Amino acid sequence: MIRNVKMSDAKNITEIYNYYIENTVITFQTDLLSVEETEKKIEEILLKGFPYIVYEEKKELEDNYTKNL
């Protein structure tokens, strides 16, 4: 199910993103994010009026967000 993000998703989003920081070269980020940093990013994106969506499968957050690039 695709849905709007909730602040309670920040922990799972952080874990997903940190996996890609640690194990791939697809992000320019080199330092792991904290949950608080993810919460701040979510808030900034939403305050700008942009959508932040996630995909949830079997009550588990699986993937991604939309942001202003």
Protein backbone atom coordinates (compact mmCIF):
# COMPACT_ATOMS: atom_id res chain seq x y z
CA MET A 1 0.00 0.00 0.00
CA ILE A 2 1.31 3.44 -0.90
CA ARG A 3 0.48 6.05 1.72
CA ASN A 4 1.59 9.34 3.19
CA VAL A 5 4.45 9.16 5.66
CA LYS A 6 3.88 9.24 9.41
CA MET A 7 6.53 10.41 11.87
CA SER A 8 6.44 6.91 13.33
CA ASP A 9 7.94 5.73 10.00
CA ALA A 10 11.18 7.64 10.63
CA LYS A 11 12.92 4.71 12.34
CA ASN A 12 12.27 2.33 9.44
CA ILE A 13 13.15 4.95 6.83
CA THR A 14 16.43 5.59 8.65
CA GLU A 15 17.26 1.87 8.71
CA ILE A 16 16.53 1.52 5.00
CA TYR A 17 18.54 4.58 4.03
CA ASN A 18 21.46 3.71 6.29
CA TYR A 19 21.67 0.29 4.65
CA TYR A 20 22.31 2.00 1.31
CA ILE A 21 24.85 4.39 2.84
CA GLU A 22 26.81 1.48 4.32
CA ASN A 23 26.51 -1.06 1.51
CA THR A 24 26.25 0.75 -1.82
CA VAL A 25 27.53 3.72 -3.76
CA ILE A 26 24.11 5.00 -4.87
CA THR A 27 24.08 7.88 -2.39
CA PHE A 28 26.55 10.69 -1.90
CA GLN A 29 25.87 10.51 1.83
CA THR A 30 28.73 8.94 3.80
CA ASP A 31 27.60 9.47 7.38
CA LEU A 32 24.77 7.40 8.79
CA LEU A 33 21.57 9.25 9.63
CA SER A 34 19.92 9.34 13.02
CA VAL A 35 16.17 8.94 13.46
CA GLU A 36 16.05 12.59 14.55
CA GLU A 37 17.69 13.69 11.28
CA THR A 38 15.15 11.69 9.31
CA GLU A 39 12.29 13.22 11.29
CA LYS A 40 13.67 16.68 10.52
CA LYS A 41 13.90 15.83 6.79
CA ILE A 42 10.31 14.57 6.78
CA GLU A 43 9.11 17.73 8.49
CA GLU A 44 11.05 20.02 6.10
CA ILE A 45 9.65 18.27 3.04
CA LEU A 46 6.08 18.34 4.32
CA LEU A 47 6.33 22.01 5.38
CA LYS A 48 7.36 22.89 1.81
CA GLY A 49 4.11 21.34 0.65
CA PHE A 50 5.68 18.35 -1.05
CA PRO A 51 4.39 14.80 -0.66
CA TYR A 52 6.43 12.25 1.25
CA ILE A 53 5.13 8.80 0.50
CA VAL A 54 6.07 5.32 1.60
CA TYR A 55 5.24 1.83 0.46
CA GLU A 56 4.06 -0.51 3.18
CA GLU A 57 3.68 -4.24 2.71
CA LYS A 58 2.25 -6.53 5.37
CA LYS A 59 2.43 -3.69 7.91
CA GLU A 60 6.15 -3.27 7.21
CA LEU A 61 7.65 -0.19 5.67
CA GLU A 62 9.51 -1.19 2.53
CA ASP A 63 10.54 1.81 0.52
CA ASN A 64 11.03 5.36 -0.39
CA TYR A 65 9.84 8.91 -0.41
CA THR A 66 9.27 11.77 -2.79
CA LYS A 67 11.18 15.00 -2.26
CA ASN A 68 12.15 18.23 -3.96
CA LEU A 69 15.38 17.57 -5.86
